Amino acid sequence: MRQKGSTVQIYWDLVVEFFVRAIADAPIESSPAEVAAGRNAAVERMLASNSAVVN
């Protein structure tokens, strides 16, 4: 378990927030396949522009 306020927890929360924001930017008023594709594309863009998240 990660200790609240620890460096690991802070980084964990930051990485999760990157994914949350990327997914939230994807369109949701489409077919399930289009929503999934939009979320995948949003995450790919986020990872491409934030290489530190990958590391």
N, C-alpha and C. Protein backbone atom coordinates (compact mmCIF):
# COMPACT_ATOMS: atom_id res chain seq x y z
N MET A 1 0.84 -1.18 0.00
CA MET A 1 0.00 0.00 0.00
C MET A 1 0.89 1.25 0.00
N ARG A 2 0.50 2.21 -0.81
CA ARG A 2 1.26 3.46 -0.88
C ARG A 2 0.87 4.36 0.29
N GLN A 3 1.87 4.96 0.89
CA GLN A 3 1.61 5.87 2.00
C GLN A 3 1.15 7.21 1.46
N LYS A 4 0.05 7.73 1.99
CA LYS A 4 -0.50 9.00 1.55
C LYS A 4 0.55 10.10 1.75
N GLY A 5 0.76 10.89 0.70
CA GLY A 5 1.72 11.99 0.76
C GLY A 5 3.13 11.58 0.40
N SER A 6 3.36 10.28 0.20
CA SER A 6 4.70 9.84 -0.18
C SER A 6 4.99 10.23 -1.62
N THR A 7 6.24 10.26 -1.98
CA THR A 7 6.63 10.60 -3.35
C THR A 7 6.01 9.64 -4.34
N VAL A 8 5.99 8.36 -4.02
CA VAL A 8 5.39 7.37 -4.91
C VAL A 8 3.91 7.66 -5.09
N GLN A 9 3.21 7.97 -4.03
CA GLN A 9 1.78 8.27 -4.12
C GLN A 9 1.53 9.51 -4.95
N ILE A 10 2.36 10.52 -4.78
CA ILE A 10 2.20 11.76 -5.55
C ILE A 10 2.37 11.48 -7.03
N TYR A 11 3.39 10.71 -7.40
CA TYR A 11 3.59 10.37 -8.81
C TYR A 11 2.46 9.50 -9.33
N TRP A 12 2.01 8.56 -8.53
CA TRP A 12 0.89 7.69 -8.92
C TRP A 12 -0.33 8.53 -9.23
N ASP A 13 -0.65 9.45 -8.33
CA ASP A 13 -1.81 10.32 -8.53
C ASP A 13 -1.67 11.17 -9.79
N LEU A 14 -0.47 11.65 -10.05
CA LEU A 14 -0.22 12.47 -11.24
C LEU A 14 -0.44 11.66 -12.52
N VAL A 15 0.09 10.46 -12.56
CA VAL A 15 -0.06 9.60 -13.75
C VAL A 15 -1.54 9.27 -13.96
N VAL A 16 -2.23 8.93 -12.89
CA VAL A 16 -3.66 8.64 -13.01
C VAL A 16 -4.41 9.85 -13.53
N GLU A 17 -4.06 11.04 -13.06
CA GLU A 17 -4.72 12.27 -13.51
C GLU A 17 -4.50 12.51 -15.01
N PHE A 18 -3.31 12.21 -15.51
CA PHE A 18 -3.06 12.32 -16.95
C PHE A 18 -4.03 11.44 -17.73
N PHE A 19 -4.21 10.21 -17.29
CA PHE A 19 -5.12 9.30 -17.99
C PHE A 19 -6.57 9.76 -17.86
N VAL A 20 -6.96 10.20 -16.68
CA VAL A 20 -8.33 10.67 -16.46
C VAL A 20 -8.65 11.83 -17.40
N ARG A 21 -7.74 12.79 -17.48
CA ARG A 21 -7.98 13.95 -18.34
C ARG A 21 -8.01 13.56 -19.81
N ALA A 22 -7.11 12.66 -20.22
CA ALA A 22 -7.10 12.22 -21.62
C ALA A 22 -8.41 11.54 -21.98
N ILE A 23 -8.85 10.63 -21.14
CA ILE A 23 -10.08 9.90 -21.42
C ILE A 23 -11.30 10.83 -21.39
N ALA A 24 -11.27 11.80 -20.48
CA ALA A 24 -12.40 12.74 -20.38
C ALA A 24 -12.53 13.60 -21.62
N ASP A 25 -11.44 13.80 -22.35
CA ASP A 25 -11.48 14.62 -23.57
C ASP A 25 -12.03 13.86 -24.77
N ALA A 26 -12.17 12.56 -24.65
CA ALA A 26 -12.66 11.75 -25.76
C ALA A 26 -14.17 11.91 -25.90
N PRO A 27 -14.68 11.87 -27.12
CA PRO A 27 -16.13 11.99 -27.32
C PRO A 27 -16.87 10.79 -26.74
N ILE A 28 -18.08 11.03 -26.24
CA ILE A 28 -18.85 9.94 -25.65
C ILE A 28 -20.20 9.73 -26.34
N GLU A 29 -20.53 10.58 -27.28
CA GLU A 29 -21.82 10.48 -27.97
C GLU A 29 -21.65 9.76 -29.30
N SER A 30 -21.19 8.53 -29.24
CA SER A 30 -20.97 7.72 -30.44
C SER A 30 -21.25 6.27 -30.12
N SER A 31 -20.98 5.42 -31.08
CA SER A 31 -21.12 3.99 -30.84
C SER A 31 -20.02 3.55 -29.87
N PRO A 32 -20.20 2.42 -29.22
CA PRO A 32 -19.16 1.94 -28.30
C PRO A 32 -17.79 1.81 -28.97
N ALA A 33 -17.77 1.34 -30.20
CA ALA A 33 -16.49 1.20 -30.91
C ALA A 33 -15.84 2.56 -31.15
N GLU A 34 -16.66 3.56 -31.50
CA GLU A 34 -16.12 4.90 -31.73
C GLU A 34 -15.65 5.54 -30.44
N VAL A 35 -16.35 5.29 -29.34
CA VAL A 35 -15.93 5.80 -28.04
C VAL A 35 -14.58 5.18 -27.66
N ALA A 36 -14.46 3.87 -27.83
CA ALA A 36 -13.21 3.19 -27.51
C ALA A 36 -12.07 3.71 -28.37
N ALA A 37 -12.32 3.90 -29.65
CA ALA A 37 -11.29 4.42 -30.55
C ALA A 37 -10.90 5.84 -30.15
N GLY A 38 -11.88 6.65 -29.78
CA GLY A 38 -11.59 8.01 -29.35
C GLY A 38 -10.78 8.05 -28.07
N ARG A 39 -11.10 7.18 -27.14
CA ARG A 39 -10.33 7.11 -25.90
C ARG A 39 -8.91 6.64 -26.16
N ASN A 40 -8.77 5.62 -27.01
CA ASN A 40 -7.43 5.14 -27.35
C ASN A 40 -6.60 6.24 -28.00
N ALA A 41 -7.21 6.97 -28.92
CA ALA A 41 -6.50 8.06 -29.60
C ALA A 41 -6.12 9.16 -28.61
N ALA A 42 -7.01 9.48 -27.68
CA ALA A 42 -6.73 10.51 -26.68
C ALA A 42 -5.57 10.09 -25.78
N VAL A 43 -5.55 8.84 -25.37
CA VAL A 43 -4.45 8.35 -24.54
C VAL A 43 -3.15 8.33 -25.33
N GLU A 44 -3.20 7.92 -26.59
CA GLU A 44 -1.99 7.93 -27.42
C GLU A 44 -1.43 9.34 -27.54
N ARG A 45 -2.30 10.34 -27.76
CA ARG A 45 -1.84 11.73 -27.85
C ARG A 45 -1.22 12.19 -26.54
N MET A 46 -1.87 11.83 -25.43
CA MET A 46 -1.36 12.22 -24.12
C MET A 46 0.02 11.61 -23.89
N LEU A 47 0.18 10.34 -24.20
CA LEU A 47 1.48 9.68 -24.00
C LEU A 47 2.54 10.26 -24.92
N ALA A 48 2.17 10.60 -26.14
CA ALA A 48 3.14 11.17 -27.09
C ALA A 48 3.62 12.54 -26.61
N SER A 49 2.74 13.30 -25.98
CA SER A 49 3.14 14.65 -25.55
C SER A 49 3.62 14.70 -24.11
N ASN A 50 3.57 13.59 -23.40
CA ASN A 50 4.03 13.53 -22.00
C ASN A 50 4.85 12.27 -21.79
N SER A 51 6.02 12.23 -22.37
CA SER A 51 6.85 11.02 -22.31
C SER A 51 7.21 10.63 -20.88
N ALA A 52 7.21 11.57 -19.96
CA ALA A 52 7.55 11.25 -18.56
C ALA A 52 6.53 10.27 -17.96
N VAL A 53 5.30 10.30 -18.46
CA VAL A 53 4.27 9.38 -17.96
C VAL A 53 4.64 7.94 -18.28
N VAL A 54 5.24 7.75 -19.44
CA VAL A 54 5.63 6.39 -19.87
C VAL A 54 6.78 5.87 -19.02
N ASN A 55 7.68 6.74 -18.66
CA ASN A 55 8.86 6.33 -17.89
C ASN A 55 8.49 6.17 -16.45
